[in-house]
C-alpha atoms as a PDB file:
ATOM      1  CA  MET A   1     -16.775 -14.396  -7.030  1.00  0.00           C
ATOM      2  CA  LYS A   2     -17.951 -15.589  -3.630  1.00  0.00           C
ATOM      3  CA  ILE A   3     -15.863 -13.831  -0.995  1.00  0.00           C
ATOM      4  CA  ALA A   4     -17.606 -13.179   2.311  1.00  0.00           C
ATOM      5  CA  LYS A   5     -16.277  -9.921   3.724  1.00  0.00           C
ATOM      6  CA  ASN A   6     -16.836 -10.784   7.391  1.00  0.00           C
ATOM      7  CA  LEU A   7     -15.297 -14.230   7.016  1.00  0.00           C
ATOM      8  CA  LEU A   8     -12.309 -12.755   5.186  1.00  0.00           C
ATOM      9  CA  LYS A   9     -11.813 -10.216   7.969  1.00  0.00           C
ATOM     10  CA  GLN A  10     -11.873 -13.034  10.529  1.00  0.00           C
ATOM     11  CA  LYS A  11      -9.154 -14.921   8.671  1.00  0.00           C
ATOM     12  CA  LEU A  12      -7.058 -11.761   8.461  1.00  0.00           C
ATOM     13  CA  ALA A  13      -7.684 -10.691  12.068  1.00  0.00           C
ATOM     14  CA  ASP A  14      -4.305 -11.662  13.556  1.00  0.00           C
ATOM     15  CA  LEU A  15      -2.418 -10.096  10.656  1.00  0.00           C
ATOM     16  CA  GLU A  16      -4.543  -6.944  10.900  1.00  0.00           C
ATOM     17  CA  LYS A  17      -3.913  -6.647  14.643  1.00  0.00           C
ATOM     18  CA  HIS A  18      -0.147  -6.876  14.166  1.00  0.00           C
ATOM     19  CA  TYR A  19      -0.103  -4.417  11.241  1.00  0.00           C
ATOM     20  CA  VAL A  20      -2.356  -1.853  12.927  1.00  0.00           C
ATOM     21  CA  ALA A  21      -0.205  -1.944  16.078  1.00  0.00           C
ATOM     22  CA  PHE A  22       2.865  -1.192  13.957  1.00  0.00           C
ATOM     23  CA  LEU A  23       1.141   1.669  12.108  1.00  0.00           C
ATOM     24  CA  CYS A  24      -0.016   3.239  15.362  1.00  0.00           C
ATOM     25  CA  GLU A  25       3.611   3.397  16.454  1.00  0.00           C
ATOM     26  CA  GLN A  26       5.005   4.371  13.046  1.00  0.00           C
ATOM     27  CA  PHE A  27       2.572   7.249  12.440  1.00  0.00           C
ATOM     28  CA  ALA A  28       1.936   8.258  16.064  1.00  0.00           C
ATOM     29  CA  ARG A  29       3.548  11.695  15.621  1.00  0.00           C
ATOM     30  CA  TRP A  30       2.196  12.472  12.177  1.00  0.00           C
ATOM     31  CA  ARG A  31       0.730  15.816  13.277  1.00  0.00           C
ATOM     32  CA  GLU A  32       4.173  16.987  14.397  1.00  0.00           C
ATOM     33  CA  PHE A  33       5.542  16.019  10.999  1.00  0.00           C
ATOM     34  CA  ALA A  34       2.719  17.914   9.275  1.00  0.00           C
ATOM     35  CA  ASP A  35       3.557  21.028  11.309  1.00  0.00           C
ATOM     36  CA  ILE A  36       7.282  20.739  10.595  1.00  0.00           C
ATOM     37  CA  THR A  37       6.773  20.399   6.843  1.00  0.00           C
ATOM     38  CA  GLN A  38       4.463  23.423   6.894  1.00  0.00           C
ATOM     39  CA  ARG A  39       7.275  25.387   8.494  1.00  0.00           C
ATOM     40  CA  LEU A  40       9.560  24.222   5.673  1.00  0.00           C
ATOM     41  CA  ILE A  41       7.130  25.619   3.118  1.00  0.00           C
ATOM     42  CA  ASP A  42       6.890  28.856   5.109  1.00  0.00           C
ATOM     43  CA  SER A  43      10.713  29.111   5.106  1.00  0.00           C
ATOM     44  CA  ALA A  44      10.672  29.091   8.904  1.00  0.00           C
ATOM     45  CA  PRO A  45      13.664  27.647  10.797  1.00  0.00           C
ATOM     46  CA  VAL A  46      13.388  23.906  11.389  1.00  0.00           C
ATOM     47  CA  ASN A  47      15.925  21.907  13.354  1.00  0.00           C
ATOM     48  CA  GLU A  48      16.286  18.333  12.137  1.00  0.00           C
ATOM     49  CA  GLN A  49      16.221  17.153  15.756  1.00  0.00           C
ATOM     50  CA  GLU A  50      12.608  18.316  15.981  1.00  0.00           C
ATOM     51  CA  CYS A  51      11.504  15.728  13.420  1.00  0.00           C
ATOM     52  CA  PRO A  52      10.052  12.429  14.724  1.00  0.00           C
ATOM     53  CA  GLU A  53      12.561   9.661  14.050  1.00  0.00           C
ATOM     54  CA  SER A  54      10.132   7.597  11.963  1.00  0.00           C
ATOM     55  CA  TYR A  55       9.817  10.550   9.567  1.00  0.00           C
ATOM     56  CA  LEU A  56      13.469  11.656   9.472  1.00  0.00           C
ATOM     57  CA  HIS A  57      14.352  10.348   5.996  1.00  0.00           C
ATOM     58  CA  GLU A  58      11.137  11.697   4.524  1.00  0.00           C
ATOM     59  CA  PHE A  59      11.838  15.058   6.167  1.00  0.00           C
ATOM     60  CA  ARG A  60      15.314  15.208   4.630  1.00  0.00           C
ATOM     61  CA  MET A  61      13.947  14.294   1.211  1.00  0.00           C
ATOM     62  CA  LEU A  62      11.139  16.867   1.280  1.00  0.00           C
ATOM     63  CA  ARG A  63      13.498  19.551   2.541  1.00  0.00           C
ATOM     64  CA  GLU A  64      15.825  18.831  -0.372  1.00  0.00           C
ATOM     65  CA  VAL A  65      12.932  18.881  -2.843  1.00  0.00           C
ATOM     66  CA  LEU A  66      12.011  22.365  -1.659  1.00  0.00           C
ATOM     67  CA  ARG A  67      15.625  23.497  -1.968  1.00  0.00           C
ATOM     68  CA  MET A  68      15.821  22.273  -5.550  1.00  0.00           C
ATOM     69  CA  ASP A  69      12.407  23.701  -6.370  1.00  0.00           C
ATOM     70  CA  ALA A  70      13.581  27.112  -5.171  1.00  0.00           C
ATOM     71  CA  THR A  71      16.527  27.009  -7.571  1.00  0.00           C
ATOM     72  CA  GLY A  72      14.398  25.815 -10.489  1.00  0.00           C
ATOM     73  CA  SER A  73      16.748  22.875 -11.048  1.00  0.00           C
ATOM     74  CA  PHE A  74      15.624  19.355 -10.146  1.00  0.00           C
ATOM     75  CA  ASP A  75      18.056  16.447 -10.074  1.00  0.00           C
ATOM     76  CA  TRP A  76      16.877  12.868  -9.509  1.00  0.00           C
ATOM     77  CA  ASN A  77      20.524  11.918  -8.907  1.00  0.00           C
ATOM     78  CA  ASN A  78      20.714  14.257  -5.941  1.00  0.00           C
ATOM     79  CA  SER A  79      22.484  12.332  -3.168  1.00  0.00           C
ATOM     80  CA  VAL A  80      19.853  13.148  -0.531  1.00  0.00           C
ATOM     81  CA  LEU A  81      17.032  11.886  -2.762  1.00  0.00           C
ATOM     82  CA  ARG A  82      18.942   8.757  -3.727  1.00  0.00           C
ATOM     83  CA  GLU A  83      19.725   7.959  -0.103  1.00  0.00           C
ATOM     84  CA  SER A  84      16.129   8.618   0.966  1.00  0.00           C
ATOM     85  CA  PHE A  85      14.569   6.405  -1.695  1.00  0.00           C
ATOM     86  CA  ALA A  86      17.108   3.663  -0.948  1.00  0.00           C
ATOM     87  CA  HIS A  87      16.179   3.872   2.727  1.00  0.00           C
ATOM     88  CA  PHE A  88      12.426   3.774   2.098  1.00  0.00           C
ATOM     89  CA  ALA A  89      12.713   0.504   0.182  1.00  0.00           C
ATOM     90  CA  ILE A  90      14.353  -1.305   3.117  1.00  0.00           C
ATOM     91  CA  SER A  91      12.801   0.632   5.993  1.00  0.00           C
ATOM     92  CA  PRO A  92      10.818  -1.197   8.717  1.00  0.00           C
ATOM     93  CA  PHE A  93       7.584   0.320   7.391  1.00  0.00           C
ATOM     94  CA  TYR A  94       8.150  -0.739   3.783  1.00  0.00           C
ATOM     95  CA  LYS A  95       9.176  -4.214   4.916  1.00  0.00           C
ATOM     96  CA  ILE A  96       6.101  -4.865   7.060  1.00  0.00           C
ATOM     97  CA  TRP A  97       3.916  -3.161   4.431  1.00  0.00           C
ATOM     98  CA  GLY A  98       5.261  -5.521   1.776  1.00  0.00           C
ATOM     99  CA  GLU A  99       5.029  -8.591   4.008  1.00  0.00           C
ATOM    100  CA  THR A 100       1.426  -7.765   4.862  1.00  0.00           C
ATOM    101  CA  ILE A 101       0.477  -7.221   1.223  1.00  0.00           C
ATOM    102  CA  ALA A 102       2.096 -10.540   0.308  1.00  0.00           C
ATOM    103  CA  ARG A 103       0.370 -12.492   3.074  1.00  0.00           C
ATOM    104  CA  ILE A 104      -3.043 -10.996   2.269  1.00  0.00           C
ATOM    105  CA  THR A 105      -2.487 -11.768  -1.408  1.00  0.00           C
ATOM    106  CA  LEU A 106      -1.627 -15.414  -0.823  1.00  0.00           C
ATOM    107  CA  LEU A 107      -4.505 -15.961   1.599  1.00  0.00           C
ATOM    108  CA  LEU A 108      -6.939 -14.487  -0.916  1.00  0.00           C
ATOM    109  CA  ALA A 109      -5.377 -16.480  -3.736  1.00  0.00           C
ATOM    110  CA  GLU A 110      -6.006 -19.703  -1.842  1.00  0.00           C
ATOM    111  CA  GLU A 111      -9.524 -18.724  -0.792  1.00  0.00           C
ATOM    112  CA  ALA A 112     -10.618 -17.652  -4.282  1.00  0.00           C
ATOM    113  CA  GLY A 113      -8.790 -20.264  -6.347  1.00  0.00           C
ATOM    114  CA  VAL A 114      -6.654 -17.643  -8.097  1.00  0.00           C
ATOM    115  CA  LYS A 115      -4.767 -18.858 -11.190  1.00  0.00           C
ATOM    116  CA  THR A 116      -2.530 -15.843 -11.928  1.00  0.00           C
ATOM    117  CA  LEU A 117      -0.793 -13.212  -9.799  1.00  0.00           C
ATOM    118  CA  ILE A 118       0.279  -9.843 -11.235  1.00  0.00           C
ATOM    119  CA  GLU A 119       2.584  -7.375  -9.532  1.00  0.00           C
ATOM    120  CA  ILE A 120       2.342  -3.706 -10.525  1.00  0.00           C
ATOM    121  CA  GLY A 121       5.351  -1.389 -10.423  1.00  0.00           C
ATOM    122  CA  ALA A 122       8.271  -3.714  -9.751  1.00  0.00           C
ATOM    123  CA  GLY A 123      10.889  -0.982  -9.436  1.00  0.00           C
ATOM    124  CA  ARG A 124      14.062  -2.461  -7.969  1.00  0.00           C
ATOM    125  CA  GLY A 125      12.270  -5.677  -7.110  1.00  0.00           C
ATOM    126  CA  HIS A 126      12.008  -5.351  -3.323  1.00  0.00           C
ATOM    127  CA  MET A 127       8.283  -6.209  -3.322  1.00  0.00           C
ATOM    128  CA  THR A 128       8.918  -9.020  -5.816  1.00  0.00           C
ATOM    129  CA  GLU A 129      11.493 -10.540  -3.494  1.00  0.00           C
ATOM    130  CA  ILE A 130       9.097 -10.368  -0.546  1.00  0.00           C
ATOM    131  CA  MET A 131       6.359 -12.062  -2.566  1.00  0.00           C
ATOM    132  CA  LEU A 132       8.629 -14.813  -3.881  1.00  0.00           C
ATOM    133  CA  LYS A 133       9.894 -15.526  -0.365  1.00  0.00           C
ATOM    134  CA  ASN A 134       6.343 -15.819   0.956  1.00  0.00           C
ATOM    135  CA  MET A 135       5.311 -17.984  -1.990  1.00  0.00           C
ATOM    136  CA  ALA A 136       8.239 -20.322  -1.350  1.00  0.00           C
ATOM    137  CA  GLU A 137       7.449 -20.555   2.364  1.00  0.00           C
ATOM    138  CA  SER A 138       3.810 -21.426   1.646  1.00  0.00           C
ATOM    139  CA  SER A 139       4.662 -23.772  -1.260  1.00  0.00           C
ATOM    140  CA  CYS A 140       2.645 -21.590  -3.627  1.00  0.00           C
ATOM    141  CA  ARG A 141       3.532 -22.188  -7.286  1.00  0.00           C
ATOM    142  CA  LEU A 142       1.099 -19.824  -8.975  1.00  0.00           C
ATOM    143  CA  PRO A 143       2.332 -18.036 -12.107  1.00  0.00           C
ATOM    144  CA  LEU A 144       3.568 -14.553 -11.189  1.00  0.00           C
ATOM    145  CA  ILE A 145       3.725 -11.789 -13.810  1.00  0.00           C
ATOM    146  CA  VAL A 146       5.821  -8.829 -12.683  1.00  0.00           C
ATOM    147  CA  THR A 147       5.206  -5.544 -14.502  1.00  0.00           C
ATOM    148  CA  ASP A 148       6.683  -2.060 -14.610  1.00  0.00           C
ATOM    149  CA  VAL A 149       6.332   0.995 -16.813  1.00  0.00           C
ATOM    150  CA  ALA A 150      10.041   0.857 -17.769  1.00  0.00           C
ATOM    151  CA  PRO A 151      11.172  -2.339 -19.540  1.00  0.00           C
ATOM    152  CA  ALA A 152      14.774  -1.772 -18.426  1.00  0.00           C
ATOM    153  CA  VAL A 153      13.693  -1.838 -14.779  1.00  0.00           C
ATOM    154  CA  LEU A 154      12.476  -5.407 -15.216  1.00  0.00           C
ATOM    155  CA  ASN A 155      16.063  -6.560 -15.694  1.00  0.00           C
ATOM    156  CA  GLU A 156      16.396  -6.198 -11.921  1.00  0.00           C
ATOM    157  CA  ILE A 157      13.942  -9.067 -11.499  1.00  0.00           C
ATOM    158  CA  GLU A 158      16.229 -11.635 -13.121  1.00  0.00           C
ATOM    159  CA  LYS A 159      18.230 -12.124  -9.923  1.00  0.00           C
ATOM    160  CA  HIS A 160      15.021 -13.052  -8.092  1.00  0.00           C
ATOM    161  CA  ARG A 161      14.107 -15.562 -10.789  1.00  0.00           C
ATOM    162  CA  LEU A 162      17.440 -17.258 -10.193  1.00  0.00           C
ATOM    163  CA  ALA A 163      16.986 -17.191  -6.412  1.00  0.00           C
ATOM    164  CA  TYR A 164      13.528 -18.817  -6.630  1.00  0.00           C
ATOM    165  CA  PRO A 165      13.715 -21.133  -9.659  1.00  0.00           C
ATOM    166  CA  ALA A 166      10.669 -23.175  -8.573  1.00  0.00           C
ATOM    167  CA  ASN A 167       8.331 -20.207  -8.934  1.00  0.00           C
ATOM    168  CA  PRO A 168       6.900 -19.541 -12.432  1.00  0.00           C
ATOM    169  CA  LEU A 169       7.909 -15.902 -13.001  1.00  0.00           C
ATOM    170  CA  ARG A 170       7.555 -13.660 -16.060  1.00  0.00           C
ATOM    171  CA  THR A 171       8.237  -9.974 -16.554  1.00  0.00           C
ATOM    172  CA  MET A 172       6.250  -7.694 -18.807  1.00  0.00           C
ATOM    173  CA  PRO A 173       6.179  -3.919 -19.384  1.00  0.00           C
ATOM    174  CA  TRP A 174       2.902  -2.182 -18.554  1.00  0.00           C
ATOM    175  CA  ASP A 175       2.174   1.492 -17.987  1.00  0.00           C
ATOM    176  CA  ILE A 176      -0.904   1.221 -15.764  1.00  0.00           C
ATOM    177  CA  SER A 177      -2.105   4.644 -16.885  1.00  0.00           C
ATOM    178  CA  GLN A 178      -2.835   2.849 -20.186  1.00  0.00           C
ATOM    179  CA  PRO A 179      -4.997  -0.228 -20.930  1.00  0.00           C
ATOM    180  CA  PRO A 180      -3.228  -3.571 -20.446  1.00  0.00           C
ATOM    181  CA  PRO A 181      -1.165  -4.770 -23.426  1.00  0.00           C
ATOM    182  CA  GLN A 182      -2.487  -7.683 -25.451  1.00  0.00           C
ATOM    183  CA  GLU A 183       0.485  -9.821 -24.471  1.00  0.00           C
ATOM    184  CA  LEU A 184      -0.523  -9.501 -20.829  1.00  0.00           C
ATOM    185  CA  LEU A 185      -4.166 -10.305 -21.527  1.00  0.00           C
ATOM    186  CA  GLU A 186      -3.139 -13.446 -23.395  1.00  0.00           C
ATOM    187  CA  SER A 187      -0.919 -14.548 -20.494  1.00  0.00           C
ATOM    188  CA  ILE A 188      -3.593 -14.458 -17.797  1.00  0.00           C
ATOM    189  CA  GLU A 189      -5.695 -17.328 -16.557  1.00  0.00           C
ATOM    190  CA  ARG A 190      -8.658 -16.255 -14.439  1.00  0.00           C
ATOM    191  CA  PRO A 191      -9.322 -15.742 -11.618  1.00  0.00           C
ATOM    192  CA  CYS A 192      -6.518 -13.201 -11.465  1.00  0.00           C
ATOM    193  CA  LEU A 193      -5.204 -11.137  -8.550  1.00  0.00           C
ATOM    194  CA  ILE A 194      -3.273  -7.870  -8.843  1.00  0.00           C
ATOM    195  CA  TYR A 195      -1.189  -6.479  -6.001  1.00  0.00           C
ATOM    196  CA  GLU A 196       1.019  -3.406  -5.728  1.00  0.00           C
ATOM    197  CA  ARG A 197       2.922  -1.207  -3.310  1.00  0.00           C
ATOM    198  CA  ALA A 198       3.309   2.565  -3.798  1.00  0.00           C
ATOM    199  CA  SER A 199       2.615   2.563  -7.552  1.00  0.00           C
ATOM    200  CA  ILE A 200      -0.783   4.162  -8.153  1.00  0.00           C
ATOM    201  CA  MET A 201       0.264   7.410  -6.445  1.00  0.00           C
ATOM    202  CA  TYR A 202       2.785   7.936  -9.254  1.00  0.00           C
ATOM    203  CA  SER A 203       0.235   7.192 -11.992  1.00  0.00           C
ATOM    204  CA  ASN A 204      -3.341   8.482 -12.143  1.00  0.00           C
ATOM    205  CA  ILE A 205      -6.837   7.441 -11.151  1.00  0.00           C
ATOM    206  CA  SER A 206      -7.431   5.738 -14.519  1.00  0.00           C
ATOM    207  CA  ALA A 207      -4.897   3.113 -13.438  1.00  0.00           C
ATOM    208  CA  LEU A 208      -7.559   1.584 -11.202  1.00  0.00           C
ATOM    209  CA  GLU A 209      -9.929   1.084 -14.120  1.00  0.00           C
ATOM    210  CA  ASN A 210      -7.148  -0.386 -16.248  1.00  0.00           C
ATOM    211  CA  MET A 211      -6.304  -2.864 -13.513  1.00  0.00           C
ATOM    212  CA  ALA A 212      -9.971  -3.723 -12.989  1.00  0.00           C
ATOM    213  CA  SER A 213     -10.228  -4.691 -16.662  1.00  0.00           C
ATOM    214  CA  VAL A 214      -7.662  -7.436 -16.066  1.00  0.00           C
ATOM    215  CA  THR A 215      -8.202  -8.742 -12.574  1.00  0.00           C
ATOM    216  CA  ASP A 216     -10.801 -10.264 -10.266  1.00  0.00           C
ATOM    217  CA  ILE A 217      -9.145  -9.261  -6.977  1.00  0.00           C
ATOM    218  CA  VAL A 218      -6.922  -6.348  -5.967  1.00  0.00           C
ATOM    219  CA  VAL A 219      -4.642  -5.905  -2.968  1.00  0.00           C
ATOM    220  CA  LEU A 220      -3.543  -2.303  -3.301  1.00  0.00           C
ATOM    221  CA  GLY A 221      -0.816  -0.886  -1.084  1.00  0.00           C
ATOM    222  CA  ASP A 222      -0.762   2.893  -1.440  1.00  0.00           C
ATOM    223  CA  MET A 223      -1.312   6.032   0.616  1.00  0.00           C
ATOM    224  CA  PHE A 224      -5.061   6.410   0.167  1.00  0.00           C
ATOM    225  CA  ASN A 225      -6.352   9.742   1.460  1.00  0.00           C
ATOM    226  CA  TYR A 226      -9.384   8.669   3.479  1.00  0.00           C
ATOM    227  CA  THR A 227     -10.416  11.985   5.044  1.00  0.00           C
ATOM    228  CA  GLY A 228      -9.839  14.384   2.146  1.00  0.00           C
ATOM    229  CA  GLU A 229      -7.452  16.510   4.219  1.00  0.00           C
ATOM    230  CA  LEU A 230      -4.184  17.670   2.700  1.00  0.00           C
ATOM    231  CA  PHE A 231      -1.082  18.836   4.531  1.00  0.00           C
ATOM    232  CA  ALA A 232       2.228  20.452   3.676  1.00  0.00           C
ATOM    233  CA  TYR A 233       3.962  17.125   3.079  1.00  0.00           C
ATOM    234  CA  ASP A 234       1.362  16.310   0.410  1.00  0.00           C
ATOM    235  CA  SER A 235       2.035  19.484  -1.552  1.00  0.00           C
ATOM    236  CA  ILE A 236       5.808  18.932  -1.415  1.00  0.00           C
ATOM    237  CA  SER A 237       5.410  15.308  -2.537  1.00  0.00           C
ATOM    238  CA  GLU A 238       3.425  16.474  -5.572  1.00  0.00           C
ATOM    239  CA  LYS A 239       6.562  18.241  -6.786  1.00  0.00           C
ATOM    240  CA  ILE A 240       8.145  14.815  -7.368  1.00  0.00           C
ATOM    241  CA  GLY A 241       5.053  13.206  -8.885  1.00  0.00           C
ATOM    242  CA  GLY A 242       3.252  11.885  -5.811  1.00  0.00           C
ATOM    243  CA  LYS A 243      -0.471  12.470  -6.319  1.00  0.00           C
ATOM    244  CA  PRO A 244      -3.079  12.372  -3.532  1.00  0.00           C
ATOM    245  CA  LEU A 245      -5.336   9.336  -3.909  1.00  0.00           C
ATOM    246  CA  PHE A 246      -8.639  10.521  -2.496  1.00  0.00           C
ATOM    247  CA  TYR A 247     -10.999   7.771  -1.381  1.00  0.00           C
ATOM    248  CA  SER A 248     -13.882  10.023  -2.445  1.00  0.00           C
ATOM    249  CA  GLN A 249     -12.663   9.543  -6.038  1.00  0.00           C
ATOM    250  CA  ILE A 250     -11.629   5.907  -5.673  1.00  0.00           C
ATOM    251  CA  LYS A 251     -14.819   4.674  -4.007  1.00  0.00           C
ATOM    252  CA  PRO A 252     -17.076   5.110  -7.083  1.00  0.00           C
ATOM    253  CA  LEU A 253     -14.557   3.189  -9.201  1.00  0.00           C
ATOM    254  CA  MET A 254     -14.321   0.377  -6.668  1.00  0.00           C
ATOM    255  CA  GLU A 255     -18.114   0.155  -6.497  1.00  0.00           C
ATOM    256  CA  LYS A 256     -18.331   0.181 -10.297  1.00  0.00           C
ATOM    257  CA  HIS A 257     -15.827  -2.609 -10.892  1.00  0.00           C
ATOM    258  CA  PHE A 258     -15.905  -4.728  -7.710  1.00  0.00           C
ATOM    259  CA  THR A 259     -18.714  -6.243  -5.671  1.00  0.00           C
ATOM    260  CA  GLY A 260     -16.943  -5.636  -2.374  1.00  0.00           C
ATOM    261  CA  HIS A 261     -13.996  -3.751  -0.898  1.00  0.00           C
ATOM    262  CA  PHE A 262     -12.595  -2.526   2.405  1.00  0.00           C
ATOM    263  CA  PHE A 263      -9.547  -0.881   3.920  1.00  0.00           C
ATOM    264  CA  PHE A 264      -7.539  -3.507   5.761  1.00  0.00           C
ATOM    265  CA  ASP A 265      -5.955  -0.995   8.170  1.00  0.00           C
ATOM    266  CA  LEU A 266      -8.863   1.391   8.764  1.00  0.00           C
ATOM    267  CA  ARG A 267      -8.615   0.928  12.556  1.00  0.00           C
ATOM    268  CA  ALA A 268      -5.211   2.635  12.569  1.00  0.00           C
ATOM    269  CA  GLN A 269      -6.626   5.630  10.696  1.00  0.00           C
ATOM    270  CA  GLU A 270      -9.482   5.889  13.191  1.00  0.00           C
ATOM    271  CA  MET A 271      -7.242   5.533  16.239  1.00  0.00           C
ATOM    272  CA  LEU A 272      -4.701   8.135  15.095  1.00  0.00           C
ATOM    273  CA  GLY A 273      -6.932  10.517  13.178  1.00  0.00           C
ATOM    274  CA  TYR A 274      -4.409   9.928  10.401  1.00  0.00           C
ATOM    275  CA  PRO A 275      -5.670  11.124   7.004  1.00  0.00           C
ATOM    276  CA  SER A 276      -4.542   8.032   5.080  1.00  0.00           C
ATOM    277  CA  THR A 277      -4.949   4.294   4.945  1.00  0.00           C
ATOM    278  CA  THR A 278      -2.409   1.991   3.304  1.00  0.00           C
ATOM    279  CA  ILE A 279      -4.030  -1.251   2.074  1.00  0.00           C
ATOM    280  CA  LEU A 280      -7.235  -1.572   0.037  1.00  0.00           C
ATOM    281  CA  ILE A 281      -8.725  -4.979  -0.796  1.00  0.00           C
ATOM    282  CA  GLY A 282     -11.361  -5.436  -3.485  1.00  0.00           C
ATOM    283  CA  TRP A 283     -13.033  -8.389  -5.261  1.00  0.00           C
ATOM    284  CA  LYS A 284     -15.564  -9.014  -8.026  1.00  0.00           C
END
C-alpha cells in the first residue's frame, strides 16, 4: 500500500495542531495527578480540591476502586464508577479524541481507496455515532462493520442505524483477543481499515496481531505508554482491567505487520513529558 508518511503528516497537520493544543491543556497537570494518586495508594490524606479539574472524575473513580479493593468486594454497579464511566464517554477529551480518530480514518480511507471500515469495541456506541456523523458530513458511504466482545452490547447500535439510514452498517461480535471470526473475514472487501478508541487496553497485546490479520490500515486510539514509566494511577487502573500498553512491546508487532507507523500526537508527549500518546496510525 503506497502511503507516504511525510505527505500524510502534511495533510493531517491542521488536525494535529488542534489536537495537540487540546492535549497540552488537558494533561498539563498530569504530574500533580500522579502525585495525588500515589498518596491515595499510600493512604495519605487527599483533599478532592487538590485534584486538577481535568482529572477530577478519574480521581473519584480511582479512589473508589481503592476503597472497594480494600474491602475485597468489587461492584461494577457502584454509583461512583457508573457516573465516572458515563462522564468519560461524553467528556471533552473523549469527544475530541473520537472526532480526531474519525477524521483521520476518513482521510486515510479516501487516500488509500479503502473498501471496508471496522470499528473495534463499540460499547454504548458513542464512537460509532461520531463516525457516522462524520461519514454523513463527508458523504462517505463505505460499509461500516461495528464489533464488540459482547453481542448484547451491539443492540445499542441499532438506534444509530436508524439515525443514519444512508450508511451501510452491520454489527458483529468479535473478541479481539481471539482471531477474527469467519463471518467477519467473509464480510470484508480489501483494502480494509480498523479504528478503535480505548479498547486494546482492556484486551491484550495479541489483539494487535489479530487486527493486523484482517486489516490494511489501523487508526488506534488508546493510552500507549511511550516512555515505559508507570505511576500510581496505572496500578490502580489495572485493578479494573486496564493494562499498560508499552510501545516497547507494540513497536515490534507494528514493524512485523505494517510497513509504516507513527504516533499522531507525539508532539504533545514531548512537550509535556507525558508518558503516553493517544493515537497510533499504521499501514501495510
